[in-house]
Amino acid sequence: MNSDETRVAVLGALNLIYSPLMADDLAMVAQVAEGVELGEDDLVELAEADRRDFFSGSERPVWICPAIEYAGGAANDEFFTRSDWAVRERVVRDVLSESQEIWLLWRFGSLMETFIEKRLPKNAAVVRLQERIDDLSIHLPESRLAERRSERGEQTNSLATCYELAEDMYGELVSQERVAQRDAIEVLERLPLPTRYFGVS
């Protein structure tokens, strides 16, 4: 696979999740969803190449970009995003917020369900995907899980129960978060290019 094909696969993986992703999560999604095996160094090099190409005057419809810090607009290179996303979808506060992690749980759960439906053989990326789902499930209150289990007649939490609850909780949390962040996001949206893509220097 050449660099252009790899870049398309990475952009596709990002768009599937539609959230800032750290290198290990992005590599996992690229392998599970796109069948492309990449190391974290490969992803860093790809992002650096996009930045160089942008500043050298190349033109592309979308760029691989870092996340943007909520306070001040500095680049957070630990996370990967796309330039065509709304600024509010690219913002972090050093780490992901609770609503962003619940969003990840929902998207990762959906990705796992798609994998299961296709009946593909498990690999290391799928094992990691399950581990990430388990890790992120800590955000789901046991009382609400129990209520969902009762509705479904389940004894244990199914994948669908977890990610459907995550979807509901995300809607509840993100509306509050966006109200609280409105003024700061408006400031970041007014940043000129290339700062809006690659962060305040």
C-alpha atoms as a PDB file:
ATOM      1  CA  MET A   1       0.000   0.000   0.000  1.00  0.00           C
ATOM      2  CA  ASN A   2       1.451   3.370  -1.009  1.00  0.00           C
ATOM      3  CA  SER A   3       1.368   6.524   1.110  1.00  0.00           C
ATOM      4  CA  ASP A   4      -1.681   7.966  -0.659  1.00  0.00           C
ATOM      5  CA  GLU A   5      -3.681   4.777  -0.045  1.00  0.00           C
ATOM      6  CA  THR A   6      -2.538   4.730   3.578  1.00  0.00           C
ATOM      7  CA  ARG A   7      -3.595   8.337   3.993  1.00  0.00           C
ATOM      8  CA  VAL A   8      -7.052   7.598   2.578  1.00  0.00           C
ATOM      9  CA  ALA A   9      -7.419   4.668   4.996  1.00  0.00           C
ATOM     10  CA  VAL A  10      -6.425   6.824   7.980  1.00  0.00           C
ATOM     11  CA  LEU A  11      -8.820   9.609   6.994  1.00  0.00           C
ATOM     12  CA  GLY A  12     -11.545   6.983   6.604  1.00  0.00           C
ATOM     13  CA  ALA A  13     -10.834   5.570  10.059  1.00  0.00           C
ATOM     14  CA  LEU A  14     -10.978   9.050  11.589  1.00  0.00           C
ATOM     15  CA  ASN A  15     -14.251   9.854   9.877  1.00  0.00           C
ATOM     16  CA  LEU A  16     -15.783   6.577  11.030  1.00  0.00           C
ATOM     17  CA  ILE A  17     -15.248   7.520  14.676  1.00  0.00           C
ATOM     18  CA  TYR A  18     -15.563  11.317  14.212  1.00  0.00           C
ATOM     19  CA  SER A  19     -13.588  12.140  17.321  1.00  0.00           C
ATOM     20  CA  PRO A  20      -9.994  13.026  18.205  1.00  0.00           C
ATOM     21  CA  LEU A  21      -8.086   9.736  18.410  1.00  0.00           C
ATOM     22  CA  MET A  22      -4.740   8.916  19.959  1.00  0.00           C
ATOM     23  CA  ALA A  23      -2.313   7.001  17.762  1.00  0.00           C
ATOM     24  CA  ASP A  24      -2.955   3.592  19.318  1.00  0.00           C
ATOM     25  CA  ASP A  25      -6.729   3.950  18.963  1.00  0.00           C
ATOM     26  CA  LEU A  26      -6.414   5.250  15.409  1.00  0.00           C
ATOM     27  CA  ALA A  27      -4.164   2.332  14.443  1.00  0.00           C
ATOM     28  CA  MET A  28      -6.696  -0.056  15.988  1.00  0.00           C
ATOM     29  CA  VAL A  29      -9.630   1.436  14.074  1.00  0.00           C
ATOM     30  CA  ALA A  30      -7.672   1.496  10.813  1.00  0.00           C
ATOM     31  CA  GLN A  31      -6.938  -2.213  11.140  1.00  0.00           C
ATOM     32  CA  VAL A  32     -10.428  -3.301  12.241  1.00  0.00           C
ATOM     33  CA  ALA A  33     -12.378  -1.080   9.838  1.00  0.00           C
ATOM     34  CA  GLU A  34     -10.006  -0.610   6.903  1.00  0.00           C
ATOM     35  CA  GLY A  35      -7.805  -3.712   7.131  1.00  0.00           C
ATOM     36  CA  VAL A  36      -4.691  -1.522   7.218  1.00  0.00           C
ATOM     37  CA  GLU A  37      -1.992  -2.361   9.747  1.00  0.00           C
ATOM     38  CA  LEU A  38      -0.052   0.714  10.868  1.00  0.00           C
ATOM     39  CA  GLY A  39       2.329   1.493  13.682  1.00  0.00           C
ATOM     40  CA  GLU A  40       2.100   4.627  15.794  1.00  0.00           C
ATOM     41  CA  ASP A  41       5.285   5.945  14.138  1.00  0.00           C
ATOM     42  CA  ASP A  42       3.638   5.532  10.724  1.00  0.00           C
ATOM     43  CA  LEU A  43       0.740   7.715  11.845  1.00  0.00           C
ATOM     44  CA  VAL A  44       3.029  10.405  13.261  1.00  0.00           C
ATOM     45  CA  GLU A  45       5.003  10.489  10.002  1.00  0.00           C
ATOM     46  CA  LEU A  46       1.793  10.719   7.982  1.00  0.00           C
ATOM     47  CA  ALA A  47       0.538  13.672  10.046  1.00  0.00           C
ATOM     48  CA  GLU A  48       3.907  15.419   9.794  1.00  0.00           C
ATOM     49  CA  ALA A  49       3.907  14.908   6.021  1.00  0.00           C
ATOM     50  CA  ASP A  50       0.461  16.496   5.761  1.00  0.00           C
ATOM     51  CA  ARG A  51       1.637  19.486   7.768  1.00  0.00           C
ATOM     52  CA  ARG A  52       4.715  19.899   5.547  1.00  0.00           C
ATOM     53  CA  ASP A  53       2.615  19.605   2.402  1.00  0.00           C
ATOM     54  CA  PHE A  54       0.141  22.202   3.657  1.00  0.00           C
ATOM     55  CA  PHE A  55       2.865  24.733   4.429  1.00  0.00           C
ATOM     56  CA  SER A  56       4.600  24.051   1.114  1.00  0.00           C
ATOM     57  CA  GLY A  57       1.443  25.133  -0.708  1.00  0.00           C
ATOM     58  CA  SER A  58      -0.047  21.778  -1.696  1.00  0.00           C
ATOM     59  CA  GLU A  59      -3.817  21.657  -2.065  1.00  0.00           C
ATOM     60  CA  ARG A  60      -6.034  18.885  -0.725  1.00  0.00           C
ATOM     61  CA  PRO A  61      -9.702  18.782   0.264  1.00  0.00           C
ATOM     62  CA  VAL A  62      -8.846  17.525   3.759  1.00  0.00           C
ATOM     63  CA  TRP A  63      -5.772  17.341   5.990  1.00  0.00           C
ATOM     64  CA  ILE A  64      -4.737  15.151   8.902  1.00  0.00           C
ATOM     65  CA  CYS A  65      -4.469  17.593  11.808  1.00  0.00           C
ATOM     66  CA  PRO A  66      -3.810  17.597  15.550  1.00  0.00           C
ATOM     67  CA  ALA A  67      -6.537  18.237  18.092  1.00  0.00           C
ATOM     68  CA  ILE A  68      -6.881  21.819  19.338  1.00  0.00           C
ATOM     69  CA  GLU A  69      -6.687  22.735  23.003  1.00  0.00           C
ATOM     70  CA  TYR A  70      -9.873  24.312  24.362  1.00  0.00           C
ATOM     71  CA  ALA A  71      -7.934  27.003  26.208  1.00  0.00           C
ATOM     72  CA  GLY A  72      -5.849  29.024  23.765  1.00  0.00           C
ATOM     73  CA  GLY A  73      -5.970  26.865  20.656  1.00  0.00           C
ATOM     74  CA  ALA A  74      -2.569  25.171  20.969  1.00  0.00           C
ATOM     75  CA  ALA A  75      -2.044  21.971  19.012  1.00  0.00           C
ATOM     76  CA  ASN A  76      -2.327  18.706  20.937  1.00  0.00           C
ATOM     77  CA  ASP A  77      -0.275  16.322  18.809  1.00  0.00           C
ATOM     78  CA  GLU A  78      -1.241  13.298  20.885  1.00  0.00           C
ATOM     79  CA  PHE A  79      -4.580  13.290  19.069  1.00  0.00           C
ATOM     80  CA  PHE A  80      -5.369  13.038  15.357  1.00  0.00           C
ATOM     81  CA  THR A  81      -8.315  14.831  13.703  1.00  0.00           C
ATOM     82  CA  ARG A  82      -9.424  16.009  10.250  1.00  0.00           C
ATOM     83  CA  SER A  83      -9.356  19.578   8.978  1.00  0.00           C
ATOM     84  CA  ASP A  84     -12.918  19.340   7.612  1.00  0.00           C
ATOM     85  CA  TRP A  85     -14.441  18.685  11.044  1.00  0.00           C
ATOM     86  CA  ALA A  86     -16.161  21.454  12.978  1.00  0.00           C
ATOM     87  CA  VAL A  87     -13.806  23.046  15.516  1.00  0.00           C
ATOM     88  CA  ARG A  88     -15.933  21.779  18.413  1.00  0.00           C
ATOM     89  CA  GLU A  89     -15.304  18.201  17.230  1.00  0.00           C
ATOM     90  CA  ARG A  90     -11.523  18.751  17.310  1.00  0.00           C
ATOM     91  CA  VAL A  91     -11.198  20.326  20.751  1.00  0.00           C
ATOM     92  CA  VAL A  92      -9.676  18.613  23.800  1.00  0.00           C
ATOM     93  CA  ARG A  93      -8.626  19.704  27.289  1.00  0.00           C
ATOM     94  CA  ASP A  94      -5.321  17.797  27.520  1.00  0.00           C
ATOM     95  CA  VAL A  95      -7.444  14.627  27.482  1.00  0.00           C
ATOM     96  CA  LEU A  96     -10.903  13.729  26.217  1.00  0.00           C
ATOM     97  CA  SER A  97     -13.918  14.925  28.180  1.00  0.00           C
ATOM     98  CA  GLU A  98     -16.460  12.518  29.652  1.00  0.00           C
ATOM     99  CA  SER A  99     -18.851  13.131  26.770  1.00  0.00           C
ATOM    100  CA  GLN A 100     -16.060  12.467  24.249  1.00  0.00           C
ATOM    101  CA  GLU A 101     -15.165   9.187  25.954  1.00  0.00           C
ATOM    102  CA  ILE A 102     -18.814   8.136  26.001  1.00  0.00           C
ATOM    103  CA  TRP A 103     -18.983   8.997  22.299  1.00  0.00           C
ATOM    104  CA  LEU A 104     -15.948   6.753  21.752  1.00  0.00           C
ATOM    105  CA  LEU A 105     -17.674   3.950  23.643  1.00  0.00           C
ATOM    106  CA  TRP A 106     -20.702   4.276  21.389  1.00  0.00           C
ATOM    107  CA  ARG A 107     -18.635   4.349  18.172  1.00  0.00           C
ATOM    108  CA  PHE A 108     -16.324   1.529  19.280  1.00  0.00           C
ATOM    109  CA  GLY A 109     -19.355  -0.564  20.250  1.00  0.00           C
ATOM    110  CA  SER A 110     -20.895   0.011  16.847  1.00  0.00           C
ATOM    111  CA  LEU A 111     -17.603  -0.933  15.168  1.00  0.00           C
ATOM    112  CA  MET A 112     -17.421  -4.141  17.198  1.00  0.00           C
ATOM    113  CA  GLU A 113     -20.994  -5.058  16.307  1.00  0.00           C
ATOM    114  CA  THR A 114     -20.192  -4.586  12.614  1.00  0.00           C
ATOM    115  CA  PHE A 115     -17.133  -6.818  13.011  1.00  0.00           C
ATOM    116  CA  ILE A 116     -19.205  -9.522  14.721  1.00  0.00           C
ATOM    117  CA  GLU A 117     -21.869  -9.392  12.006  1.00  0.00           C
ATOM    118  CA  LYS A 118     -19.211  -9.956   9.326  1.00  0.00           C
ATOM    119  CA  ARG A 119     -17.929 -13.039  11.222  1.00  0.00           C
ATOM    120  CA  LEU A 120     -14.319 -12.168  10.549  1.00  0.00           C
ATOM    121  CA  PRO A 121     -11.459 -13.869  12.421  1.00  0.00           C
ATOM    122  CA  LYS A 122     -10.233 -12.065  15.530  1.00  0.00           C
ATOM    123  CA  ASN A 123      -6.860 -10.360  15.522  1.00  0.00           C
ATOM    124  CA  ALA A 124      -4.892  -8.239  17.984  1.00  0.00           C
ATOM    125  CA  ALA A 125      -6.722  -5.070  16.941  1.00  0.00           C
ATOM    126  CA  VAL A 126     -10.108  -6.635  17.706  1.00  0.00           C
ATOM    127  CA  VAL A 127      -8.855  -7.803  21.104  1.00  0.00           C
ATOM    128  CA  ARG A 128      -7.724  -4.253  21.823  1.00  0.00           C
ATOM    129  CA  LEU A 129     -11.075  -2.898  20.638  1.00  0.00           C
ATOM    130  CA  GLN A 130     -12.847  -5.081  23.206  1.00  0.00           C
ATOM    131  CA  GLU A 131     -10.413  -3.910  25.894  1.00  0.00           C
ATOM    132  CA  ARG A 132     -11.125  -0.273  25.023  1.00  0.00           C
ATOM    133  CA  ILE A 133     -14.875  -0.896  25.171  1.00  0.00           C
ATOM    134  CA  ASP A 134     -14.432  -2.479  28.600  1.00  0.00           C
ATOM    135  CA  ASP A 135     -12.276   0.443  29.782  1.00  0.00           C
ATOM    136  CA  LEU A 136     -14.713   3.096  28.572  1.00  0.00           C
ATOM    137  CA  SER A 137     -17.718   1.291  30.048  1.00  0.00           C
ATOM    138  CA  ILE A 138     -16.661   2.640  33.447  1.00  0.00           C
ATOM    139  CA  HIS A 139     -18.662   5.762  32.524  1.00  0.00           C
ATOM    140  CA  LEU A 140     -21.945   3.804  32.436  1.00  0.00           C
ATOM    141  CA  PRO A 141     -23.830   3.924  35.771  1.00  0.00           C
ATOM    142  CA  GLU A 142     -24.674   0.460  37.061  1.00  0.00           C
ATOM    143  CA  SER A 143     -28.213   1.576  37.926  1.00  0.00           C
ATOM    144  CA  ARG A 144     -28.925   2.506  34.311  1.00  0.00           C
ATOM    145  CA  LEU A 145     -27.285  -0.668  33.016  1.00  0.00           C
ATOM    146  CA  ALA A 146     -29.475  -2.705  35.372  1.00  0.00           C
ATOM    147  CA  GLU A 147     -32.544  -0.914  34.055  1.00  0.00           C
ATOM    148  CA  ARG A 148     -31.542  -1.730  30.468  1.00  0.00           C
ATOM    149  CA  ARG A 149     -30.832  -5.360  31.361  1.00  0.00           C
ATOM    150  CA  SER A 150     -34.262  -5.635  32.933  1.00  0.00           C
ATOM    151  CA  GLU A 151     -35.916  -4.190  29.831  1.00  0.00           C
ATOM    152  CA  ARG A 152     -34.057  -6.683  27.640  1.00  0.00           C
ATOM    153  CA  GLY A 153     -34.387  -9.649  29.987  1.00  0.00           C
ATOM    154  CA  GLU A 154     -30.597  -9.984  30.190  1.00  0.00           C
ATOM    155  CA  GLN A 155     -28.524 -11.375  33.043  1.00  0.00           C
ATOM    156  CA  THR A 156     -25.316  -9.662  31.945  1.00  0.00           C
ATOM    157  CA  ASN A 157     -24.521  -6.525  29.973  1.00  0.00           C
ATOM    158  CA  SER A 158     -24.595  -7.184  26.239  1.00  0.00           C
ATOM    159  CA  LEU A 159     -22.593  -5.112  23.779  1.00  0.00           C
ATOM    160  CA  ALA A 160     -25.806  -3.581  22.438  1.00  0.00           C
ATOM    161  CA  THR A 161     -26.956  -2.621  25.939  1.00  0.00           C
ATOM    162  CA  CYS A 162     -23.693  -0.797  26.620  1.00  0.00           C
ATOM    163  CA  TYR A 163     -23.401   1.123  23.409  1.00  0.00           C
ATOM    164  CA  GLU A 164     -27.097   2.051  23.251  1.00  0.00           C
ATOM    165  CA  LEU A 165     -26.865   3.487  26.774  1.00  0.00           C
ATOM    166  CA  ALA A 166     -23.688   5.304  25.735  1.00  0.00           C
ATOM    167  CA  GLU A 167     -25.580   6.858  22.822  1.00  0.00           C
ATOM    168  CA  ASP A 168     -28.315   8.114  25.158  1.00  0.00           C
ATOM    169  CA  MET A 169     -25.856   9.459  27.725  1.00  0.00           C
ATOM    170  CA  TYR A 170     -23.827  11.240  25.067  1.00  0.00           C
ATOM    171  CA  GLY A 171     -26.886  13.184  23.964  1.00  0.00           C
ATOM    172  CA  GLU A 172     -27.553  14.229  27.552  1.00  0.00           C
ATOM    173  CA  LEU A 173     -23.974  15.316  28.283  1.00  0.00           C
ATOM    174  CA  VAL A 174     -22.946  16.961  25.044  1.00  0.00           C
ATOM    175  CA  SER A 175     -25.806  19.462  25.041  1.00  0.00           C
ATOM    176  CA  GLN A 176     -24.686  20.737  28.454  1.00  0.00           C
ATOM    177  CA  GLU A 177     -21.035  20.750  27.392  1.00  0.00           C
ATOM    178  CA  ARG A 178     -21.705  22.756  24.249  1.00  0.00           C
ATOM    179  CA  VAL A 179     -23.549  25.446  26.183  1.00  0.00           C
ATOM    180  CA  ALA A 180     -20.613  25.723  28.610  1.00  0.00           C
ATOM    181  CA  GLN A 181     -18.053  25.827  25.781  1.00  0.00           C
ATOM    182  CA  ARG A 182     -19.911  28.129  23.397  1.00  0.00           C
ATOM    183  CA  ASP A 183     -17.852  31.301  23.935  1.00  0.00           C
ATOM    184  CA  ALA A 184     -14.490  29.517  23.827  1.00  0.00           C
ATOM    185  CA  ILE A 185     -15.424  27.604  20.671  1.00  0.00           C
ATOM    186  CA  GLU A 186     -16.499  30.824  18.947  1.00  0.00           C
ATOM    187  CA  VAL A 187     -13.043  32.274  19.659  1.00  0.00           C
ATOM    188  CA  LEU A 188     -11.336  29.194  18.200  1.00  0.00           C
ATOM    189  CA  GLU A 189     -13.585  29.265  15.127  1.00  0.00           C
ATOM    190  CA  ARG A 190     -12.306  32.772  14.354  1.00  0.00           C
ATOM    191  CA  LEU A 191      -8.674  31.644  14.257  1.00  0.00           C
ATOM    192  CA  PRO A 192      -7.139  32.154  10.800  1.00  0.00           C
ATOM    193  CA  LEU A 193      -5.575  29.414   8.733  1.00  0.00           C
ATOM    194  CA  PRO A 194      -3.222  27.654   9.250  1.00  0.00           C
ATOM    195  CA  THR A 195      -3.731  28.146  12.994  1.00  0.00           C
ATOM    196  CA  ARG A 196      -7.251  26.713  12.910  1.00  0.00           C
ATOM    197  CA  TYR A 197      -5.887  23.503  11.378  1.00  0.00           C
ATOM    198  CA  PHE A 198      -2.537  23.107  13.116  1.00  0.00           C
ATOM    199  CA  GLY A 199      -2.890  25.085  16.335  1.00  0.00           C
ATOM    200  CA  VAL A 200      -1.462  28.247  17.842  1.00  0.00           C
ATOM    201  CA  SER A 201       2.346  28.255  17.699  1.00  0.00           C
END
